[in-house]
C-alpha atoms as a PDB file:
ATOM      1  CA  MET A   1       0.583 -18.243 -23.879  1.00  0.00           C
ATOM      2  CA  ALA A   2       1.719 -19.273 -20.182  1.00  0.00           C
ATOM      3  CA  GLY A   3       2.474 -23.025 -21.193  1.00  0.00           C
ATOM      4  CA  THR A   4       5.266 -21.702 -23.607  1.00  0.00           C
ATOM      5  CA  GLY A   5       8.006 -20.502 -21.502  1.00  0.00           C
ATOM      6  CA  ARG A   6       8.332 -17.373 -23.112  1.00  0.00           C
ATOM      7  CA  ALA A   7       8.674 -13.815 -20.990  1.00  0.00           C
ATOM      8  CA  GLY A   8       6.161 -11.128 -21.401  1.00  0.00           C
ATOM      9  CA  GLU A   9       3.559 -13.508 -23.215  1.00  0.00           C
ATOM     10  CA  ARG A  10      -0.067 -13.964 -21.345  1.00  0.00           C
ATOM     11  CA  PRO A  11      -0.953 -17.075 -19.575  1.00  0.00           C
ATOM     12  CA  VAL A  12      -4.154 -18.458 -20.968  1.00  0.00           C
ATOM     13  CA  ALA A  13      -5.780 -21.301 -20.282  1.00  0.00           C
ATOM     14  CA  THR A  14      -5.156 -24.626 -22.023  1.00  0.00           C
ATOM     15  CA  GLY A  15      -7.404 -27.117 -20.702  1.00  0.00           C
ATOM     16  CA  SER A  16     -10.954 -26.719 -19.710  1.00  0.00           C
ATOM     17  CA  PRO A  17     -14.295 -28.785 -19.214  1.00  0.00           C
ATOM     18  CA  ALA A  18     -16.052 -31.059 -21.850  1.00  0.00           C
ATOM     19  CA  SER A  19     -18.822 -29.277 -23.249  1.00  0.00           C
ATOM     20  CA  ASN A  20     -21.565 -32.110 -22.586  1.00  0.00           C
ATOM     21  CA  SER A  21     -23.638 -29.909 -20.217  1.00  0.00           C
ATOM     22  CA  THR A  22     -27.071 -29.753 -19.659  1.00  0.00           C
ATOM     23  CA  PRO A  23     -29.281 -26.796 -20.237  1.00  0.00           C
ATOM     24  CA  GLY A  24     -28.826 -24.170 -17.232  1.00  0.00           C
ATOM     25  CA  GLU A  25     -25.129 -26.161 -16.197  1.00  0.00           C
ATOM     26  CA  GLY A  26     -23.085 -23.298 -18.377  1.00  0.00           C
ATOM     27  CA  CYS A  27     -23.991 -20.920 -15.674  1.00  0.00           C
ATOM     28  CA  GLN A  28     -21.917 -23.156 -13.018  1.00  0.00           C
ATOM     29  CA  ALA A  29     -18.917 -21.537 -12.222  1.00  0.00           C
ATOM     30  CA  THR A  30     -15.423 -23.523 -13.258  1.00  0.00           C
ATOM     31  CA  MET A  31     -12.869 -24.537 -10.865  1.00  0.00           C
ATOM     32  CA  LYS A  32      -9.563 -23.245 -12.120  1.00  0.00           C
ATOM     33  CA  VAL A  33      -6.574 -24.478 -11.874  1.00  0.00           C
ATOM     34  CA  LEU A  34      -2.942 -23.466 -11.355  1.00  0.00           C
ATOM     35  CA  LEU A  35      -0.033 -25.417 -12.519  1.00  0.00           C
ATOM     36  CA  LEU A  36       3.595 -23.873 -12.461  1.00  0.00           C
ATOM     37  CA  LYS A  37       5.360 -25.620 -14.282  1.00  0.00           C
ATOM     38  CA  ASP A  38       5.931 -26.096 -18.374  1.00  0.00           C
ATOM     39  CA  ALA A  39       4.316 -27.548 -20.755  1.00  0.00           C
ATOM     40  CA  LYS A  40       4.978 -30.866 -22.208  1.00  0.00           C
ATOM     41  CA  GLU A  41       3.069 -31.694 -24.506  1.00  0.00           C
ATOM     42  CA  GLU A  42       1.991 -35.408 -26.106  1.00  0.00           C
ATOM     43  CA  ASP A  43       1.011 -37.441 -28.812  1.00  0.00           C
ATOM     44  CA  GLY A  44      -2.159 -35.521 -28.559  1.00  0.00           C
ATOM     45  CA  GLY A  45      -0.647 -32.194 -28.509  1.00  0.00           C
ATOM     46  CA  GLN A  46      -1.606 -31.327 -24.982  1.00  0.00           C
ATOM     47  CA  ASP A  47       0.000 -31.483 -21.591  1.00  0.00           C
ATOM     48  CA  PRO A  48      -0.996 -34.351 -19.599  1.00  0.00           C
ATOM     49  CA  TYR A  49      -2.127 -32.864 -16.683  1.00  0.00           C
ATOM     50  CA  VAL A  50      -4.506 -30.259 -18.261  1.00  0.00           C
ATOM     51  CA  ARG A  51      -6.005 -33.080 -20.493  1.00  0.00           C
ATOM     52  CA  GLU A  52      -6.751 -35.090 -17.054  1.00  0.00           C
ATOM     53  CA  PHE A  53      -7.680 -32.145 -15.509  1.00  0.00           C
ATOM     54  CA  GLY A  54      -9.955 -31.471 -18.507  1.00  0.00           C
ATOM     55  CA  LEU A  55     -11.681 -34.736 -18.295  1.00  0.00           C
ATOM     56  CA  HIS A  56     -12.651 -34.192 -14.612  1.00  0.00           C
ATOM     57  CA  GLY A  57     -14.461 -30.698 -15.524  1.00  0.00           C
ATOM     58  CA  LEU A  58     -11.201 -28.319 -14.166  1.00  0.00           C
ATOM     59  CA  GLU A  59     -10.094 -25.978 -16.162  1.00  0.00           C
ATOM     60  CA  ALA A  60      -6.474 -25.948 -15.842  1.00  0.00           C
ATOM     61  CA  THR A  61      -3.733 -23.321 -16.856  1.00  0.00           C
ATOM     62  CA  LEU A  62       0.149 -23.376 -16.988  1.00  0.00           C
ATOM     63  CA  ILE A  63       2.756 -20.853 -15.922  1.00  0.00           C
ATOM     64  CA  PRO A  64       6.141 -21.639 -16.763  1.00  0.00           C
ATOM     65  CA  VAL A  65       8.107 -20.568 -13.323  1.00  0.00           C
ATOM     66  CA  LEU A  66      11.192 -22.202 -13.638  1.00  0.00           C
ATOM     67  CA  SER A  67      14.680 -21.265 -16.623  1.00  0.00           C
ATOM     68  CA  PHE A  68      18.028 -22.990 -16.781  1.00  0.00           C
ATOM     69  CA  GLU A  69      21.155 -21.396 -16.727  1.00  0.00           C
ATOM     70  CA  PHE A  70      24.175 -23.652 -17.873  1.00  0.00           C
ATOM     71  CA  LEU A  71      27.667 -23.820 -16.754  1.00  0.00           C
ATOM     72  CA  SER A  72      30.706 -24.713 -17.207  1.00  0.00           C
ATOM     73  CA  LEU A  73      30.415 -26.076 -21.039  1.00  0.00           C
ATOM     74  CA  PRO A  74      33.714 -25.527 -22.036  1.00  0.00           C
ATOM     75  CA  SER A  75      34.973 -28.008 -19.623  1.00  0.00           C
ATOM     76  CA  PHE A  76      32.273 -30.209 -20.112  1.00  0.00           C
ATOM     77  CA  SER A  77      33.388 -30.181 -23.594  1.00  0.00           C
ATOM     78  CA  GLU A  78      36.529 -31.039 -22.997  1.00  0.00           C
ATOM     79  CA  LYS A  79      35.509 -34.240 -20.732  1.00  0.00           C
ATOM     80  CA  LEU A  80      33.365 -35.394 -23.926  1.00  0.00           C
ATOM     81  CA  CYS A  81      36.030 -35.318 -26.328  1.00  0.00           C
ATOM     82  CA  HIS A  82      38.135 -37.993 -23.847  1.00  0.00           C
ATOM     83  CA  PRO A  83      35.925 -40.765 -23.637  1.00  0.00           C
ATOM     84  CA  GLU A  84      39.009 -42.853 -22.899  1.00  0.00           C
ATOM     85  CA  ALA A  85      39.395 -40.819 -18.790  1.00  0.00           C
ATOM     86  CA  PHE A  86      35.840 -42.566 -18.118  1.00  0.00           C
ATOM     87  CA  GLY A  87      33.890 -45.809 -17.547  1.00  0.00           C
ATOM     88  CA  GLY A  88      31.058 -44.305 -18.641  1.00  0.00           C
ATOM     89  CA  LEU A  89      28.484 -41.426 -18.456  1.00  0.00           C
ATOM     90  CA  ILE A  90      24.897 -41.202 -16.413  1.00  0.00           C
ATOM     91  CA  PHE A  91      22.539 -38.962 -16.764  1.00  0.00           C
ATOM     92  CA  THR A  92      19.147 -38.360 -14.231  1.00  0.00           C
ATOM     93  CA  SER A  93      17.554 -35.162 -16.016  1.00  0.00           C
ATOM     94  CA  PRO A  94      16.648 -33.789 -19.350  1.00  0.00           C
ATOM     95  CA  ARG A  95      18.574 -30.971 -18.946  1.00  0.00           C
ATOM     96  CA  ALA A  96      21.798 -32.821 -18.834  1.00  0.00           C
ATOM     97  CA  VAL A  97      21.423 -34.105 -21.556  1.00  0.00           C
ATOM     98  CA  GLU A  98      20.841 -30.401 -23.471  1.00  0.00           C
ATOM     99  CA  ALA A  99      24.217 -29.257 -22.023  1.00  0.00           C
ATOM    100  CA  VAL A 100      25.910 -32.279 -23.810  1.00  0.00           C
ATOM    101  CA  GLU A 101      24.846 -30.536 -27.335  1.00  0.00           C
ATOM    102  CA  LEU A 102      25.456 -26.873 -25.859  1.00  0.00           C
ATOM    103  CA  SER A 103      28.343 -27.869 -24.806  1.00  0.00           C
ATOM    104  CA  LEU A 104      29.591 -29.158 -28.025  1.00  0.00           C
ATOM    105  CA  GLY A 105      28.265 -26.769 -30.173  1.00  0.00           C
ATOM    106  CA  THR A 106      30.304 -23.911 -28.252  1.00  0.00           C
ATOM    107  CA  GLY A 107      33.709 -25.812 -29.075  1.00  0.00           C
ATOM    108  CA  ASN A 108      32.538 -26.715 -32.272  1.00  0.00           C
ATOM    109  CA  LYS A 109      32.968 -30.774 -31.480  1.00  0.00           C
ATOM    110  CA  THR A 110      29.376 -31.545 -32.721  1.00  0.00           C
ATOM    111  CA  GLU A 111      31.073 -33.409 -35.948  1.00  0.00           C
ATOM    112  CA  VAL A 112      33.611 -34.908 -34.171  1.00  0.00           C
ATOM    113  CA  TRP A 113      31.126 -36.141 -32.339  1.00  0.00           C
ATOM    114  CA  LYS A 114      28.803 -37.918 -34.703  1.00  0.00           C
ATOM    115  CA  LYS A 115      31.840 -39.367 -36.978  1.00  0.00           C
ATOM    116  CA  SER A 116      33.766 -40.303 -33.618  1.00  0.00           C
ATOM    117  CA  LEU A 117      33.342 -39.429 -30.370  1.00  0.00           C
ATOM    118  CA  LYS A 118      29.553 -40.987 -30.231  1.00  0.00           C
ATOM    119  CA  GLU A 119      31.409 -44.440 -31.318  1.00  0.00           C
ATOM    120  CA  LYS A 120      33.854 -44.518 -28.648  1.00  0.00           C
ATOM    121  CA  TRP A 121      31.151 -43.408 -25.441  1.00  0.00           C
ATOM    122  CA  ASN A 122      28.550 -46.026 -26.673  1.00  0.00           C
ATOM    123  CA  ALA A 123      31.367 -48.680 -26.732  1.00  0.00           C
ATOM    124  CA  LYS A 124      30.766 -47.874 -22.284  1.00  0.00           C
ATOM    125  CA  PRO A 125      27.303 -47.700 -20.221  1.00  0.00           C
ATOM    126  CA  VAL A 126      25.340 -44.608 -20.571  1.00  0.00           C
ATOM    127  CA  TYR A 127      23.030 -44.937 -17.352  1.00  0.00           C
ATOM    128  CA  VAL A 128      19.618 -43.010 -17.216  1.00  0.00           C
ATOM    129  CA  VAL A 129      16.446 -42.297 -14.841  1.00  0.00           C
ATOM    130  CA  GLY A 130      13.562 -42.577 -16.448  1.00  0.00           C
ATOM    131  CA  ASN A 131      12.279 -43.514 -19.978  1.00  0.00           C
ATOM    132  CA  ALA A 132      11.870 -39.240 -21.115  1.00  0.00           C
ATOM    133  CA  THR A 133      15.861 -39.015 -20.242  1.00  0.00           C
ATOM    134  CA  ALA A 134      16.425 -42.098 -22.277  1.00  0.00           C
ATOM    135  CA  SER A 135      14.727 -40.926 -25.424  1.00  0.00           C
ATOM    136  CA  LEU A 136      16.779 -37.380 -25.247  1.00  0.00           C
ATOM    137  CA  VAL A 137      20.120 -39.600 -24.607  1.00  0.00           C
ATOM    138  CA  ASN A 138      19.198 -41.410 -28.069  1.00  0.00           C
ATOM    139  CA  LYS A 139      18.751 -38.222 -29.950  1.00  0.00           C
ATOM    140  CA  ILE A 140      22.245 -37.654 -29.513  1.00  0.00           C
ATOM    141  CA  GLY A 141      23.284 -41.078 -30.830  1.00  0.00           C
ATOM    142  CA  LEU A 142      24.049 -42.854 -27.702  1.00  0.00           C
ATOM    143  CA  ASP A 143      22.404 -46.677 -26.570  1.00  0.00           C
ATOM    144  CA  THR A 144      21.287 -46.013 -22.528  1.00  0.00           C
ATOM    145  CA  GLU A 145      20.211 -48.580 -19.807  1.00  0.00           C
ATOM    146  CA  GLY A 146      19.154 -48.035 -16.567  1.00  0.00           C
ATOM    147  CA  GLU A 147      15.813 -46.666 -17.948  1.00  0.00           C
ATOM    148  CA  HIS A 148      13.165 -48.414 -16.066  1.00  0.00           C
ATOM    149  CA  CYS A 149      14.866 -47.014 -12.820  1.00  0.00           C
ATOM    150  CA  GLY A 150      12.388 -44.369 -11.782  1.00  0.00           C
ATOM    151  CA  ASN A 151      14.899 -42.552  -9.719  1.00  0.00           C
ATOM    152  CA  ALA A 152      18.325 -41.778  -9.043  1.00  0.00           C
ATOM    153  CA  GLU A 153      18.219 -44.589  -5.666  1.00  0.00           C
ATOM    154  CA  LYS A 154      17.018 -47.106  -7.970  1.00  0.00           C
ATOM    155  CA  LEU A 155      19.599 -46.293 -10.589  1.00  0.00           C
ATOM    156  CA  ALA A 156      22.372 -46.188  -8.036  1.00  0.00           C
ATOM    157  CA  GLU A 157      21.559 -49.853  -7.294  1.00  0.00           C
ATOM    158  CA  TYR A 158      21.185 -50.463 -10.975  1.00  0.00           C
ATOM    159  CA  ILE A 159      24.760 -48.828 -11.254  1.00  0.00           C
ATOM    160  CA  CYS A 160      26.257 -50.495  -8.453  1.00  0.00           C
ATOM    161  CA  SER A 161      24.916 -54.264  -9.497  1.00  0.00           C
ATOM    162  CA  ARG A 162      26.923 -53.582 -12.853  1.00  0.00           C
ATOM    163  CA  GLU A 163      30.274 -54.706 -13.378  1.00  0.00           C
ATOM    164  CA  THR A 164      32.576 -51.935 -11.460  1.00  0.00           C
ATOM    165  CA  PRO A 165      34.625 -49.747 -13.679  1.00  0.00           C
ATOM    166  CA  ALA A 166      38.290 -49.230 -13.124  1.00  0.00           C
ATOM    167  CA  LEU A 167      37.791 -45.291 -14.677  1.00  0.00           C
ATOM    168  CA  PRO A 168      35.430 -42.807 -12.593  1.00  0.00           C
ATOM    169  CA  LEU A 169      31.816 -42.622 -14.525  1.00  0.00           C
ATOM    170  CA  LEU A 170      31.013 -38.628 -15.628  1.00  0.00           C
ATOM    171  CA  PHE A 171      28.049 -37.668 -14.278  1.00  0.00           C
ATOM    172  CA  PRO A 172      27.153 -34.183 -15.478  1.00  0.00           C
ATOM    173  CA  CYS A 173      24.200 -32.575 -12.803  1.00  0.00           C
ATOM    174  CA  GLY A 174      22.578 -30.264 -11.638  1.00  0.00           C
ATOM    175  CA  ALA A 175      23.812 -27.512  -9.182  1.00  0.00           C
ATOM    176  CA  LEU A 176      21.615 -29.039  -6.787  1.00  0.00           C
ATOM    177  CA  LYS A 177      21.501 -32.390  -7.632  1.00  0.00           C
ATOM    178  CA  GLY A 178      20.396 -34.750  -4.612  1.00  0.00           C
ATOM    179  CA  GLU A 179      23.176 -36.906  -2.727  1.00  0.00           C
ATOM    180  CA  THR A 180      21.713 -40.606  -2.772  1.00  0.00           C
ATOM    181  CA  LEU A 181      23.262 -41.524  -5.983  1.00  0.00           C
ATOM    182  CA  PRO A 182      27.239 -40.017  -5.585  1.00  0.00           C
ATOM    183  CA  LYS A 183      26.729 -41.669  -1.820  1.00  0.00           C
ATOM    184  CA  THR A 184      25.487 -44.775  -2.642  1.00  0.00           C
ATOM    185  CA  LEU A 185      28.488 -45.294  -5.753  1.00  0.00           C
ATOM    186  CA  LYS A 186      30.989 -43.862  -3.457  1.00  0.00           C
ATOM    187  CA  ASP A 187      29.599 -46.295  -0.998  1.00  0.00           C
ATOM    188  CA  ARG A 188      29.926 -49.149  -2.575  1.00  0.00           C
ATOM    189  CA  GLY A 189      33.258 -47.858  -4.065  1.00  0.00           C
ATOM    190  CA  ILE A 190      32.346 -47.096  -7.502  1.00  0.00           C
ATOM    191  CA  PRO A 191      34.565 -44.334  -9.060  1.00  0.00           C
ATOM    192  CA  MET A 192      32.383 -41.442 -10.753  1.00  0.00           C
ATOM    193  CA  GLU A 193      33.692 -37.544 -11.450  1.00  0.00           C
ATOM    194  CA  SER A 194      30.519 -35.091 -11.035  1.00  0.00           C
ATOM    195  CA  ILE A 195      30.897 -31.606 -13.035  1.00  0.00           C
ATOM    196  CA  THR A 196      27.478 -29.427 -12.639  1.00  0.00           C
ATOM    197  CA  VAL A 197      26.221 -28.195 -15.753  1.00  0.00           C
ATOM    198  CA  TYR A 198      23.462 -26.084 -15.269  1.00  0.00           C
ATOM    199  CA  GLN A 199      21.269 -23.885 -12.310  1.00  0.00           C
ATOM    200  CA  LYS A 200      17.572 -23.319 -12.003  1.00  0.00           C
ATOM    201  CA  ILE A 201      17.084 -19.662 -11.714  1.00  0.00           C
ATOM    202  CA  PRO A 202      13.630 -17.919 -11.833  1.00  0.00           C
ATOM    203  CA  HIS A 203      11.515 -17.834 -14.913  1.00  0.00           C
ATOM    204  CA  PRO A 204      12.022 -14.126 -16.580  1.00  0.00           C
ATOM    205  CA  GLY A 205       7.993 -14.201 -17.095  1.00  0.00           C
ATOM    206  CA  ILE A 206       7.132 -14.976 -13.933  1.00  0.00           C
ATOM    207  CA  GLN A 207       5.469 -11.807 -12.753  1.00  0.00           C
ATOM    208  CA  VAL A 208       4.079 -11.124 -16.120  1.00  0.00           C
ATOM    209  CA  ASN A 209       2.639 -13.874 -16.509  1.00  0.00           C
ATOM    210  CA  LEU A 210       1.042 -14.610 -12.971  1.00  0.00           C
ATOM    211  CA  ASN A 211      -0.206 -10.914 -13.516  1.00  0.00           C
ATOM    212  CA  SER A 212      -1.834 -11.458 -16.646  1.00  0.00           C
ATOM    213  CA  TYR A 213      -3.476 -15.029 -15.130  1.00  0.00           C
ATOM    214  CA  TYR A 214      -5.192 -13.098 -12.030  1.00  0.00           C
ATOM    215  CA  SER A 215      -6.742 -10.310 -14.150  1.00  0.00           C
ATOM    216  CA  GLU A 216      -8.700 -12.304 -16.312  1.00  0.00           C
ATOM    217  CA  GLN A 217      -9.122 -16.023 -14.563  1.00  0.00           C
ATOM    218  CA  GLY A 218      -9.223 -14.321 -10.814  1.00  0.00           C
ATOM    219  CA  VAL A 219      -7.629 -15.903  -7.902  1.00  0.00           C
ATOM    220  CA  PRO A 220      -7.569 -20.118  -8.684  1.00  0.00           C
ATOM    221  CA  ALA A 221      -9.410 -22.455  -6.468  1.00  0.00           C
ATOM    222  CA  SER A 222      -5.976 -24.857  -6.310  1.00  0.00           C
ATOM    223  CA  ILE A 223      -2.078 -24.235  -7.043  1.00  0.00           C
ATOM    224  CA  THR A 224       0.013 -26.888  -7.905  1.00  0.00           C
ATOM    225  CA  PHE A 225       3.463 -26.759  -7.033  1.00  0.00           C
ATOM    226  CA  PHE A 226       6.410 -28.924  -8.670  1.00  0.00           C
ATOM    227  CA  SER A 227       9.394 -28.144  -7.181  1.00  0.00           C
ATOM    228  CA  PRO A 228      10.607 -26.621  -3.886  1.00  0.00           C
ATOM    229  CA  SER A 229      12.885 -23.840  -6.484  1.00  0.00           C
ATOM    230  CA  GLY A 230       9.255 -23.332  -8.307  1.00  0.00           C
ATOM    231  CA  LEU A 231       7.712 -22.339  -5.353  1.00  0.00           C
ATOM    232  CA  ALA A 232      10.225 -20.420  -3.698  1.00  0.00           C
ATOM    233  CA  TYR A 233      10.541 -18.072  -7.196  1.00  0.00           C
ATOM    234  CA  SER A 234       6.614 -17.749  -7.212  1.00  0.00           C
ATOM    235  CA  LEU A 235       5.266 -17.794  -3.702  1.00  0.00           C
ATOM    236  CA  LYS A 236       5.992 -13.918  -2.838  1.00  0.00           C
ATOM    237  CA  HIS A 237       3.973 -12.855  -6.599  1.00  0.00           C
ATOM    238  CA  ILE A 238       0.750 -14.966  -5.460  1.00  0.00           C
ATOM    239  CA  GLN A 239       0.785 -14.092  -2.062  1.00  0.00           C
ATOM    240  CA  GLU A 240       0.578 -10.430  -3.761  1.00  0.00           C
ATOM    241  CA  LEU A 241      -1.879 -10.993  -6.331  1.00  0.00           C
ATOM    242  CA  SER A 242      -4.198 -13.146  -3.764  1.00  0.00           C
ATOM    243  CA  GLY A 243      -4.663 -10.435  -0.982  1.00  0.00           C
ATOM    244  CA  ASP A 244      -6.470 -12.017   1.826  1.00  0.00           C
ATOM    245  CA  ASP A 245      -8.081 -15.079  -0.596  1.00  0.00           C
ATOM    246  CA  ILE A 246      -4.775 -16.846  -0.230  1.00  0.00           C
ATOM    247  CA  ASN A 247      -6.662 -18.763   2.839  1.00  0.00           C
ATOM    248  CA  HIS A 248      -8.964 -20.391   0.771  1.00  0.00           C
ATOM    249  CA  ILE A 249      -6.567 -22.074  -2.201  1.00  0.00           C
ATOM    250  CA  LYS A 250      -5.722 -25.398  -1.863  1.00  0.00           C
ATOM    251  CA  VAL A 251      -2.488 -25.607  -2.435  1.00  0.00           C
ATOM    252  CA  THR A 252      -0.977 -28.978  -3.546  1.00  0.00           C
ATOM    253  CA  TYR A 253       2.758 -30.257  -4.901  1.00  0.00           C
ATOM    254  CA  SER A 254       3.443 -32.997  -6.904  1.00  0.00           C
ATOM    255  CA  MET A 255       5.495 -35.554  -5.289  1.00  0.00           C
ATOM    256  CA  ARG A 256       6.513 -37.657  -8.205  1.00  0.00           C
ATOM    257  CA  PHE A 257       8.867 -35.317  -8.564  1.00  0.00           C
ATOM    258  CA  TRP A 258      10.157 -34.631  -5.190  1.00  0.00           C
ATOM    259  CA  SER A 259      12.027 -36.361  -2.738  1.00  0.00           C
ATOM    260  CA  PHE A 260      11.742 -36.497   0.874  1.00  0.00           C
ATOM    261  CA  SER A 261      14.315 -33.454   1.655  1.00  0.00           C
ATOM    262  CA  ASP A 262      12.751 -31.294  -1.389  1.00  0.00           C
ATOM    263  CA  PHE A 263       9.043 -31.995   0.456  1.00  0.00           C
ATOM    264  CA  PHE A 264      10.812 -30.727   3.584  1.00  0.00           C
ATOM    265  CA  ILE A 265      12.611 -27.547   2.388  1.00  0.00           C
ATOM    266  CA  ALA A 266       8.853 -26.515   0.796  1.00  0.00           C
ATOM    267  CA  PHE A 267       7.669 -27.116   3.746  1.00  0.00           C
ATOM    268  CA  LEU A 268       9.343 -24.516   5.920  1.00  0.00           C
ATOM    269  CA  LEU A 269       9.153 -21.962   3.107  1.00  0.00           C
ATOM    270  CA  ILE A 270       5.034 -22.771   2.570  1.00  0.00           C
ATOM    271  CA  ILE A 271       3.490 -23.083   5.991  1.00  0.00           C
ATOM    272  CA  PRO A 272       3.706 -19.803   7.807  1.00  0.00           C
ATOM    273  CA  GLU A 273       2.165 -18.592   4.171  1.00  0.00           C
ATOM    274  CA  PHE A 274      -0.731 -20.629   3.924  1.00  0.00           C
ATOM    275  CA  PRO A 275      -2.320 -21.399   7.491  1.00  0.00           C
END
């Protein structure tokens, strides 16, 4: 399936319009929407985007275009083992939380985390962006604050409203982290130490899954990109598969996940290709 994120699997439509059509309506072509993202199942067992498109009579398919490579895990593990050197933690993405689990595993320190390290970190503030990230942090045994903040800028303001720590806040982040949070904290005199623990790379199944989708579904009426990296990794394949029909595809961007700088990068990438 396209939404699973495993290389080599064929993309399939993961959402379809409700079957309440009247006789004769079944002959009408269903508008097909291609979403370049991983599936994210909710309580109902279906990606919320797919479900919403289906409720409006559109057939949406998910194809993952991003994968992640984790970096500096031994170094990160060493820092996690010395909570006394830091004033707290900052998490702004689920991948950073995943890096915690991986780093502890590589150093065989999972049991030490459960027995003592977790408690020591819980004596310090653990700041997060969003409920999804907070939920993952809770699963590794840490209490969180700031999850009501919807983005890094708001979290930075929240951190600045708290008591200034004497020791630096440890901030595991991606290679393409935004500068809003680090700059705001620096300008306010709040010490912070960042460590790059992951980077985005092309999903190994992009080409295979897109080929499958186009051969079975044809050219989509609409394509939605969820990040500049996803756009960059998939654009060439989409151009080749769409041919002259590329001019008829409606292209949209999920601004929920994009900063202004993200959108500007995408603008430079895509405007020459999609007149």
